[in-house]
Amino acid sequence: MYSGEGSVYNNRTIVRATIGQLVDETANHQGQVSFSVNNPAIWRSTVDIVQEW
């Protein structure tokens, strides 16, 4: 999870938020959020979430 600068859900290690909360926060900042599903045989993570504003 890569959170936007100043995100209330960013505590550096664990993000405790639902997808809806992340999308709402991103919309409130007039930003964008992207979701990627990765192949775990190639990448360490299976899902990446990126917030930007």
C-alpha atoms as a PDB file:
ATOM      1  CA  MET A   1       0.000   0.000   0.000  1.00  0.00           C
ATOM      2  CA  TYR A   2       1.388   3.341  -1.039  1.00  0.00           C
ATOM      3  CA  SER A   3      -0.691   6.041   0.595  1.00  0.00           C
ATOM      4  CA  GLY A   4      -1.011   9.676  -0.352  1.00  0.00           C
ATOM      5  CA  GLU A   5       0.971  12.298   1.522  1.00  0.00           C
ATOM      6  CA  GLY A   6      -0.804  13.077   4.776  1.00  0.00           C
ATOM      7  CA  SER A   7      -3.160  10.103   4.585  1.00  0.00           C
ATOM      8  CA  VAL A   8      -4.896   9.453   7.899  1.00  0.00           C
ATOM      9  CA  TYR A   9      -4.438   5.717   7.247  1.00  0.00           C
ATOM     10  CA  ASN A  10      -0.645   5.824   6.878  1.00  0.00           C
ATOM     11  CA  ASN A  11       1.205   4.665   9.975  1.00  0.00           C
ATOM     12  CA  ARG A  12       4.297   3.431   8.047  1.00  0.00           C
ATOM     13  CA  THR A  13       3.797  -0.321   8.520  1.00  0.00           C
ATOM     14  CA  ILE A  14       0.156  -1.420   8.524  1.00  0.00           C
ATOM     15  CA  VAL A  15      -2.805   0.237   6.823  1.00  0.00           C
ATOM     16  CA  ARG A  16      -6.011  -0.353   8.751  1.00  0.00           C
ATOM     17  CA  ALA A  17      -8.673   0.788   6.313  1.00  0.00           C
ATOM     18  CA  THR A  18     -11.247  -0.667   3.985  1.00  0.00           C
ATOM     19  CA  ILE A  19     -11.078  -0.152   0.228  1.00  0.00           C
ATOM     20  CA  GLY A  20     -14.088   2.165   0.559  1.00  0.00           C
ATOM     21  CA  GLN A  21     -12.324   4.324   3.152  1.00  0.00           C
ATOM     22  CA  LEU A  22      -9.239   4.625   0.926  1.00  0.00           C
ATOM     23  CA  VAL A  23     -11.352   5.539  -2.100  1.00  0.00           C
ATOM     24  CA  ASP A  24     -13.366   8.105  -0.097  1.00  0.00           C
ATOM     25  CA  GLU A  25     -10.204   9.713   1.277  1.00  0.00           C
ATOM     26  CA  THR A  26      -8.695   9.858  -2.209  1.00  0.00           C
ATOM     27  CA  ALA A  27     -11.860  11.409  -3.670  1.00  0.00           C
ATOM     28  CA  ASN A  28     -11.886  14.037  -0.910  1.00  0.00           C
ATOM     29  CA  HIS A  29      -8.386  15.054  -2.013  1.00  0.00           C
ATOM     30  CA  GLN A  30      -9.466  15.020  -5.700  1.00  0.00           C
ATOM     31  CA  GLY A  31      -6.850  12.361  -6.360  1.00  0.00           C
ATOM     32  CA  GLN A  32      -6.726   8.903  -7.835  1.00  0.00           C
ATOM     33  CA  VAL A  33      -6.316   5.384  -6.519  1.00  0.00           C
ATOM     34  CA  SER A  34      -5.110   2.355  -8.451  1.00  0.00           C
ATOM     35  CA  PHE A  35      -5.297  -1.354  -7.690  1.00  0.00           C
ATOM     36  CA  SER A  36      -2.997  -3.982  -9.191  1.00  0.00           C
ATOM     37  CA  VAL A  37      -3.249  -7.738  -8.818  1.00  0.00           C
ATOM     38  CA  ASN A  38       0.172  -9.325  -9.212  1.00  0.00           C
ATOM     39  CA  ASN A  39       1.438 -12.808  -9.922  1.00  0.00           C
ATOM     40  CA  PRO A  40       2.802 -13.999  -6.544  1.00  0.00           C
ATOM     41  CA  ALA A  41       5.285 -16.279  -8.327  1.00  0.00           C
ATOM     42  CA  ILE A  42       7.013 -13.145  -9.668  1.00  0.00           C
ATOM     43  CA  TRP A  43       6.269 -10.405  -7.091  1.00  0.00           C
ATOM     44  CA  ARG A  44       6.302 -10.471  -3.305  1.00  0.00           C
ATOM     45  CA  SER A  45       2.866  -8.908  -2.929  1.00  0.00           C
ATOM     46  CA  THR A  46      -0.333 -10.075  -4.561  1.00  0.00           C
ATOM     47  CA  VAL A  47      -2.184  -6.755  -4.416  1.00  0.00           C
ATOM     48  CA  ASP A  48      -0.787  -3.225  -4.679  1.00  0.00           C
ATOM     49  CA  ILE A  49      -2.871  -0.160  -3.845  1.00  0.00           C
ATOM     50  CA  VAL A  50      -1.596   3.314  -4.696  1.00  0.00           C
ATOM     51  CA  GLN A  51      -3.145   6.625  -3.606  1.00  0.00           C
ATOM     52  CA  GLU A  52      -2.069   9.870  -5.227  1.00  0.00           C
ATOM     53  CA  TRP A  53      -3.203  13.454  -4.856  1.00  0.00           C
END
